[in-house]
Amino acid sequence: MLVIIQFLIINGYFAIFEWLWSGQTPGKRWLKLRVIREDGRPISFFEAMIRNLIRVIDFIVPPFYSVGLVSVFATERDQRVGDLVAGTVVVRERESEAPAFEEVFASPISDAALRRSFAPVKFTADVNKLTEREISVVESFLRRRWELKNYPRQWMAWRVSMPILFKLRPQYDLATFTYEGFLEELLHRYREKHRFID
């Protein structure tokens, strides 16, 4: 009876904490370790229980090394037998190395195609009429335009814009219109509309 109670306490400690604390026990939290599913999702009570019930097998010691130790060295993700059966893996948290949410979204966009260099050209048109192939031409030009000298760049902006202007027939203010400003605004509007569709 004492052996059964001891078994339940030891395994229950790990299973219950890992379930309630999203894959962490007090020791794992202190060491910044966490148990997650192989697909990256948090573990459930079932997975926490399975991986800890099979802990007994990990401690079995054949001639030289324990089964769990051999499993850790033999698997690509350093999983012991309990992890392999439960489909879990232990990862090290690197929260201190990750940028804050505000820092990521406050930083300038790294994609050259989405960086504005000209004042946005206000126009009225249905950008949904454009095909993905047409918008990819716009995106390719905006991404590579600074490899061109000034005159060839302006000429290419005109060449890319003309078929789109003819197709969309947009309304805009001629006094503030620039071809590159139009293409930048066009790409932003199109990607904004299709952000959750792609």
C-alpha atoms as a PDB file:
ATOM      1  CA  MET A   1       0.000   0.000   0.000  1.00  0.00           C
ATOM      2  CA  LEU A   2       2.831   2.353   0.876  1.00  0.00           C
ATOM      3  CA  VAL A   3       4.523   1.661  -2.478  1.00  0.00           C
ATOM      4  CA  ILE A   4       1.286   2.456  -4.353  1.00  0.00           C
ATOM      5  CA  ILE A   5       0.780   5.712  -2.435  1.00  0.00           C
ATOM      6  CA  GLN A   6       4.395   6.723  -3.047  1.00  0.00           C
ATOM      7  CA  PHE A   7       4.002   5.923  -6.766  1.00  0.00           C
ATOM      8  CA  LEU A   8       0.834   8.047  -7.031  1.00  0.00           C
ATOM      9  CA  ILE A   9       2.380  10.979  -5.171  1.00  0.00           C
ATOM     10  CA  ILE A  10       5.565  11.042  -7.264  1.00  0.00           C
ATOM     11  CA  ASN A  11       3.845  10.609 -10.626  1.00  0.00           C
ATOM     12  CA  GLY A  12       0.859  12.723  -9.624  1.00  0.00           C
ATOM     13  CA  TYR A  13       3.155  15.604  -8.699  1.00  0.00           C
ATOM     14  CA  PHE A  14       4.665  15.751 -12.198  1.00  0.00           C
ATOM     15  CA  ALA A  15       1.434  15.033 -14.082  1.00  0.00           C
ATOM     16  CA  ILE A  16      -0.780  17.493 -12.202  1.00  0.00           C
ATOM     17  CA  PHE A  17       1.739  20.356 -12.254  1.00  0.00           C
ATOM     18  CA  GLU A  18       2.532  19.842 -15.954  1.00  0.00           C
ATOM     19  CA  TRP A  19      -1.190  19.825 -16.725  1.00  0.00           C
ATOM     20  CA  LEU A  20      -2.140  22.875 -14.617  1.00  0.00           C
ATOM     21  CA  TRP A  21       1.010  24.897 -15.372  1.00  0.00           C
ATOM     22  CA  SER A  22       1.027  24.266 -19.133  1.00  0.00           C
ATOM     23  CA  GLY A  23       3.893  21.796 -19.164  1.00  0.00           C
ATOM     24  CA  GLN A  24       5.868  23.028 -16.164  1.00  0.00           C
ATOM     25  CA  THR A  25       6.595  21.818 -12.663  1.00  0.00           C
ATOM     26  CA  PRO A  26       8.181  24.186 -10.107  1.00  0.00           C
ATOM     27  CA  GLY A  27      11.574  22.747 -11.056  1.00  0.00           C
ATOM     28  CA  LYS A  28      10.986  23.164 -14.786  1.00  0.00           C
ATOM     29  CA  ARG A  29       9.767  26.712 -14.260  1.00  0.00           C
ATOM     30  CA  TRP A  30      12.940  27.533 -12.320  1.00  0.00           C
ATOM     31  CA  LEU A  31      15.098  26.000 -15.085  1.00  0.00           C
ATOM     32  CA  LYS A  32      12.950  27.628 -17.822  1.00  0.00           C
ATOM     33  CA  LEU A  33      11.932  24.271 -19.286  1.00  0.00           C
ATOM     34  CA  ARG A  34       8.497  23.325 -20.577  1.00  0.00           C
ATOM     35  CA  VAL A  35       6.837  20.171 -21.897  1.00  0.00           C
ATOM     36  CA  ILE A  36       4.841  20.708 -25.088  1.00  0.00           C
ATOM     37  CA  ARG A  37       3.268  18.485 -27.713  1.00  0.00           C
ATOM     38  CA  GLU A  38       5.336  17.669 -30.784  1.00  0.00           C
ATOM     39  CA  ASP A  39       3.120  19.976 -32.863  1.00  0.00           C
ATOM     40  CA  GLY A  40       3.872  22.889 -30.502  1.00  0.00           C
ATOM     41  CA  ARG A  41       0.544  22.941 -28.636  1.00  0.00           C
ATOM     42  CA  PRO A  42       0.208  22.741 -24.822  1.00  0.00           C
ATOM     43  CA  ILE A  43      -0.054  19.248 -23.348  1.00  0.00           C
ATOM     44  CA  SER A  44      -3.330  17.898 -21.983  1.00  0.00           C
ATOM     45  CA  PHE A  45      -3.852  15.955 -18.746  1.00  0.00           C
ATOM     46  CA  PHE A  46      -3.795  12.695 -20.734  1.00  0.00           C
ATOM     47  CA  GLU A  47      -0.352  13.428 -22.230  1.00  0.00           C
ATOM     48  CA  ALA A  48       1.021  14.635 -18.893  1.00  0.00           C
ATOM     49  CA  MET A  49      -0.203  11.422 -17.220  1.00  0.00           C
ATOM     50  CA  ILE A  50       1.091   9.088 -19.964  1.00  0.00           C
ATOM     51  CA  ARG A  51       4.599  10.575 -20.084  1.00  0.00           C
ATOM     52  CA  ASN A  52       4.909  10.348 -16.303  1.00  0.00           C
ATOM     53  CA  LEU A  53       3.429   6.874 -15.878  1.00  0.00           C
ATOM     54  CA  ILE A  54       6.037   5.555 -18.302  1.00  0.00           C
ATOM     55  CA  ARG A  55       8.764   7.247 -16.263  1.00  0.00           C
ATOM     56  CA  VAL A  56       9.273   3.842 -14.587  1.00  0.00           C
ATOM     57  CA  ILE A  57      10.466   2.349 -17.891  1.00  0.00           C
ATOM     58  CA  ASP A  58      12.947   5.208 -18.325  1.00  0.00           C
ATOM     59  CA  PHE A  59      14.615   4.258 -15.043  1.00  0.00           C
ATOM     60  CA  ILE A  60      15.098   0.584 -15.944  1.00  0.00           C
ATOM     61  CA  VAL A  61      18.857  -0.072 -16.045  1.00  0.00           C
ATOM     62  CA  PRO A  62      20.161  -2.830 -18.347  1.00  0.00           C
ATOM     63  CA  PRO A  63      23.905  -3.617 -18.154  1.00  0.00           C
ATOM     64  CA  PHE A  64      25.242  -0.068 -18.493  1.00  0.00           C
ATOM     65  CA  TYR A  65      22.762   2.762 -19.169  1.00  0.00           C
ATOM     66  CA  SER A  66      19.121   3.447 -18.278  1.00  0.00           C
ATOM     67  CA  VAL A  67      16.517   3.066 -21.033  1.00  0.00           C
ATOM     68  CA  GLY A  68      15.585   6.748 -20.705  1.00  0.00           C
ATOM     69  CA  LEU A  69      19.194   7.893 -21.138  1.00  0.00           C
ATOM     70  CA  VAL A  70      19.655   5.751 -24.247  1.00  0.00           C
ATOM     71  CA  SER A  71      16.379   7.114 -25.654  1.00  0.00           C
ATOM     72  CA  VAL A  72      17.461  10.719 -25.087  1.00  0.00           C
ATOM     73  CA  PHE A  73      20.722  10.220 -26.989  1.00  0.00           C
ATOM     74  CA  ALA A  74      19.113   8.123 -29.732  1.00  0.00           C
ATOM     75  CA  THR A  75      16.253  10.489 -30.627  1.00  0.00           C
ATOM     76  CA  GLU A  76      16.526  13.677 -32.665  1.00  0.00           C
ATOM     77  CA  ARG A  77      14.587  15.764 -30.114  1.00  0.00           C
ATOM     78  CA  ASP A  78      16.205  14.252 -27.001  1.00  0.00           C
ATOM     79  CA  GLN A  79      12.992  12.464 -25.993  1.00  0.00           C
ATOM     80  CA  ARG A  80      12.789   9.795 -23.343  1.00  0.00           C
ATOM     81  CA  VAL A  81      10.439   6.817 -23.751  1.00  0.00           C
ATOM     82  CA  GLY A  82       7.582   8.632 -21.989  1.00  0.00           C
ATOM     83  CA  ASP A  83       7.862  11.531 -24.423  1.00  0.00           C
ATOM     84  CA  LEU A  84       7.871   9.215 -27.443  1.00  0.00           C
ATOM     85  CA  VAL A  85       4.711   7.441 -26.282  1.00  0.00           C
ATOM     86  CA  ALA A  86       2.890  10.647 -25.267  1.00  0.00           C
ATOM     87  CA  GLY A  87       4.059  12.599 -28.332  1.00  0.00           C
ATOM     88  CA  THR A  88       5.690  15.304 -26.229  1.00  0.00           C
ATOM     89  CA  VAL A  89       9.040  17.077 -26.101  1.00  0.00           C
ATOM     90  CA  VAL A  90      10.823  19.200 -23.475  1.00  0.00           C
ATOM     91  CA  VAL A  91      11.934  22.624 -24.723  1.00  0.00           C
ATOM     92  CA  ARG A  92      13.929  25.452 -23.194  1.00  0.00           C
ATOM     93  CA  GLU A  93      12.107  28.763 -23.035  1.00  0.00           C
ATOM     94  CA  ARG A  94      14.007  31.731 -24.433  1.00  0.00           C
ATOM     95  CA  GLU A  95      11.571  34.483 -23.560  1.00  0.00           C
ATOM     96  CA  SER A  96      14.344  36.883 -22.560  1.00  0.00           C
ATOM     97  CA  GLU A  97      15.885  36.583 -26.035  1.00  0.00           C
ATOM     98  CA  ALA A  98      12.608  37.245 -27.864  1.00  0.00           C
ATOM     99  CA  PRO A  99      11.560  40.818 -28.705  1.00  0.00           C
ATOM    100  CA  ALA A 100       8.483  42.241 -27.018  1.00  0.00           C
ATOM    101  CA  PHE A 101       5.193  42.370 -28.930  1.00  0.00           C
ATOM    102  CA  GLU A 102       5.284  46.176 -29.070  1.00  0.00           C
ATOM    103  CA  GLU A 103       8.890  46.157 -30.271  1.00  0.00           C
ATOM    104  CA  VAL A 104       8.098  43.888 -33.224  1.00  0.00           C
ATOM    105  CA  PHE A 105       5.096  45.849 -34.451  1.00  0.00           C
ATOM    106  CA  ALA A 106       6.639  49.263 -33.842  1.00  0.00           C
ATOM    107  CA  SER A 107       9.705  48.476 -35.921  1.00  0.00           C
ATOM    108  CA  PRO A 108       9.804  49.424 -39.603  1.00  0.00           C
ATOM    109  CA  ILE A 109       8.713  46.816 -42.121  1.00  0.00           C
ATOM    110  CA  SER A 110      11.740  44.944 -43.406  1.00  0.00           C
ATOM    111  CA  ASP A 111      10.208  43.983 -46.763  1.00  0.00           C
ATOM    112  CA  ALA A 112      11.457  46.504 -49.308  1.00  0.00           C
ATOM    113  CA  ALA A 113       8.277  46.095 -51.367  1.00  0.00           C
ATOM    114  CA  LEU A 114       6.131  47.316 -48.482  1.00  0.00           C
ATOM    115  CA  ARG A 115       8.247  50.299 -47.460  1.00  0.00           C
ATOM    116  CA  ARG A 116       6.870  53.640 -48.649  1.00  0.00           C
ATOM    117  CA  SER A 117       9.241  56.104 -50.264  1.00  0.00           C
ATOM    118  CA  PHE A 118       6.617  58.403 -51.793  1.00  0.00           C
ATOM    119  CA  ALA A 119       3.510  60.157 -50.494  1.00  0.00           C
ATOM    120  CA  PRO A 120       0.509  57.815 -50.759  1.00  0.00           C
ATOM    121  CA  VAL A 121      -1.573  58.509 -53.853  1.00  0.00           C
ATOM    122  CA  LYS A 122      -5.229  58.660 -52.890  1.00  0.00           C
ATOM    123  CA  PHE A 123      -7.404  56.975 -55.500  1.00  0.00           C
ATOM    124  CA  THR A 124     -10.800  55.339 -55.830  1.00  0.00           C
ATOM    125  CA  ALA A 125     -10.881  51.912 -57.494  1.00  0.00           C
ATOM    126  CA  ASP A 126     -11.721  48.285 -56.850  1.00  0.00           C
ATOM    127  CA  VAL A 127      -8.333  46.623 -56.299  1.00  0.00           C
ATOM    128  CA  ASN A 128     -10.038  43.211 -56.201  1.00  0.00           C
ATOM    129  CA  LYS A 129     -10.171  43.335 -59.989  1.00  0.00           C
ATOM    130  CA  LEU A 130      -6.432  42.719 -60.042  1.00  0.00           C
ATOM    131  CA  THR A 131      -5.099  39.198 -60.349  1.00  0.00           C
ATOM    132  CA  GLU A 132      -2.366  37.787 -58.116  1.00  0.00           C
ATOM    133  CA  ARG A 133      -0.089  37.708 -61.161  1.00  0.00           C
ATOM    134  CA  GLU A 134      -0.601  41.426 -61.781  1.00  0.00           C
ATOM    135  CA  ILE A 135       0.035  42.343 -58.165  1.00  0.00           C
ATOM    136  CA  SER A 136       3.161  40.164 -58.105  1.00  0.00           C
ATOM    137  CA  VAL A 137       4.577  42.293 -60.949  1.00  0.00           C
ATOM    138  CA  VAL A 138       3.965  45.410 -58.844  1.00  0.00           C
ATOM    139  CA  GLU A 139       5.558  43.758 -55.821  1.00  0.00           C
ATOM    140  CA  SER A 140       8.611  42.615 -57.792  1.00  0.00           C
ATOM    141  CA  PHE A 141       9.168  46.106 -59.163  1.00  0.00           C
ATOM    142  CA  LEU A 142       8.871  47.772 -55.757  1.00  0.00           C
ATOM    143  CA  ARG A 143      11.255  45.256 -54.231  1.00  0.00           C
ATOM    144  CA  ARG A 144      13.977  45.705 -56.868  1.00  0.00           C
ATOM    145  CA  ARG A 145      13.493  49.292 -58.039  1.00  0.00           C
ATOM    146  CA  TRP A 146      16.407  50.757 -56.069  1.00  0.00           C
ATOM    147  CA  GLU A 147      18.776  48.641 -58.102  1.00  0.00           C
ATOM    148  CA  LEU A 148      17.877  50.923 -61.060  1.00  0.00           C
ATOM    149  CA  LYS A 149      19.088  54.434 -61.724  1.00  0.00           C
ATOM    150  CA  ASN A 150      16.611  57.298 -61.464  1.00  0.00           C
ATOM    151  CA  TYR A 151      15.383  57.543 -65.067  1.00  0.00           C
ATOM    152  CA  PRO A 152      15.066  53.780 -65.751  1.00  0.00           C
ATOM    153  CA  ARG A 153      13.253  53.418 -62.414  1.00  0.00           C
ATOM    154  CA  GLN A 154      10.684  56.085 -63.287  1.00  0.00           C
ATOM    155  CA  TRP A 155      10.218  54.614 -66.767  1.00  0.00           C
ATOM    156  CA  MET A 156       9.654  51.138 -65.315  1.00  0.00           C
ATOM    157  CA  ALA A 157       7.160  52.539 -62.775  1.00  0.00           C
ATOM    158  CA  TRP A 158       5.225  54.092 -65.669  1.00  0.00           C
ATOM    159  CA  ARG A 159       5.351  50.841 -67.635  1.00  0.00           C
ATOM    160  CA  VAL A 160       4.077  48.766 -64.680  1.00  0.00           C
ATOM    161  CA  SER A 161       1.371  51.306 -63.826  1.00  0.00           C
ATOM    162  CA  MET A 162      -0.173  51.857 -67.265  1.00  0.00           C
ATOM    163  CA  PRO A 163      -1.933  48.474 -67.748  1.00  0.00           C
ATOM    164  CA  ILE A 164      -3.288  48.692 -64.188  1.00  0.00           C
ATOM    165  CA  LEU A 165      -4.524  52.246 -64.656  1.00  0.00           C
ATOM    166  CA  PHE A 166      -6.231  51.172 -67.868  1.00  0.00           C
ATOM    167  CA  LYS A 167      -7.860  48.189 -66.129  1.00  0.00           C
ATOM    168  CA  LEU A 168      -8.990  49.874 -62.899  1.00  0.00           C
ATOM    169  CA  ARG A 169      -9.792  53.357 -64.282  1.00  0.00           C
ATOM    170  CA  PRO A 170      -9.087  54.890 -60.838  1.00  0.00           C
ATOM    171  CA  GLN A 171     -10.122  58.409 -59.792  1.00  0.00           C
ATOM    172  CA  TYR A 172      -7.187  60.405 -58.402  1.00  0.00           C
ATOM    173  CA  ASP A 173      -5.802  63.930 -58.101  1.00  0.00           C
ATOM    174  CA  LEU A 174      -3.431  64.532 -61.004  1.00  0.00           C
ATOM    175  CA  ALA A 175      -1.594  67.279 -59.087  1.00  0.00           C
ATOM    176  CA  THR A 176      -0.342  64.854 -56.429  1.00  0.00           C
ATOM    177  CA  PHE A 177      -0.072  61.712 -58.568  1.00  0.00           C
ATOM    178  CA  THR A 178       3.212  59.816 -58.914  1.00  0.00           C
ATOM    179  CA  TYR A 179       3.542  56.386 -60.475  1.00  0.00           C
ATOM    180  CA  GLU A 180       5.617  54.961 -57.645  1.00  0.00           C
ATOM    181  CA  GLY A 181       3.345  56.447 -54.995  1.00  0.00           C
ATOM    182  CA  PHE A 182       0.392  54.887 -56.810  1.00  0.00           C
ATOM    183  CA  LEU A 183       2.036  51.456 -56.967  1.00  0.00           C
ATOM    184  CA  GLU A 184       2.995  51.602 -53.279  1.00  0.00           C
ATOM    185  CA  GLU A 185      -0.565  52.504 -52.279  1.00  0.00           C
ATOM    186  CA  LEU A 186      -1.978  49.858 -54.612  1.00  0.00           C
ATOM    187  CA  LEU A 187       0.137  47.086 -53.113  1.00  0.00           C
ATOM    188  CA  HIS A 188      -0.706  48.142 -49.547  1.00  0.00           C
ATOM    189  CA  ARG A 189      -4.431  48.154 -50.258  1.00  0.00           C
ATOM    190  CA  TYR A 190      -4.351  44.819 -52.052  1.00  0.00           C
ATOM    191  CA  ARG A 191      -2.299  43.063 -49.372  1.00  0.00           C
ATOM    192  CA  GLU A 192      -4.484  44.556 -46.632  1.00  0.00           C
ATOM    193  CA  LYS A 193      -7.610  43.133 -48.260  1.00  0.00           C
ATOM    194  CA  HIS A 194      -6.059  39.724 -48.903  1.00  0.00           C
ATOM    195  CA  ARG A 195      -4.063  39.364 -45.669  1.00  0.00           C
ATOM    196  CA  PHE A 196      -6.452  36.850 -44.110  1.00  0.00           C
ATOM    197  CA  ILE A 197      -7.321  35.098 -47.358  1.00  0.00           C
ATOM    198  CA  ASP A 198      -3.803  34.003 -48.409  1.00  0.00           C
END
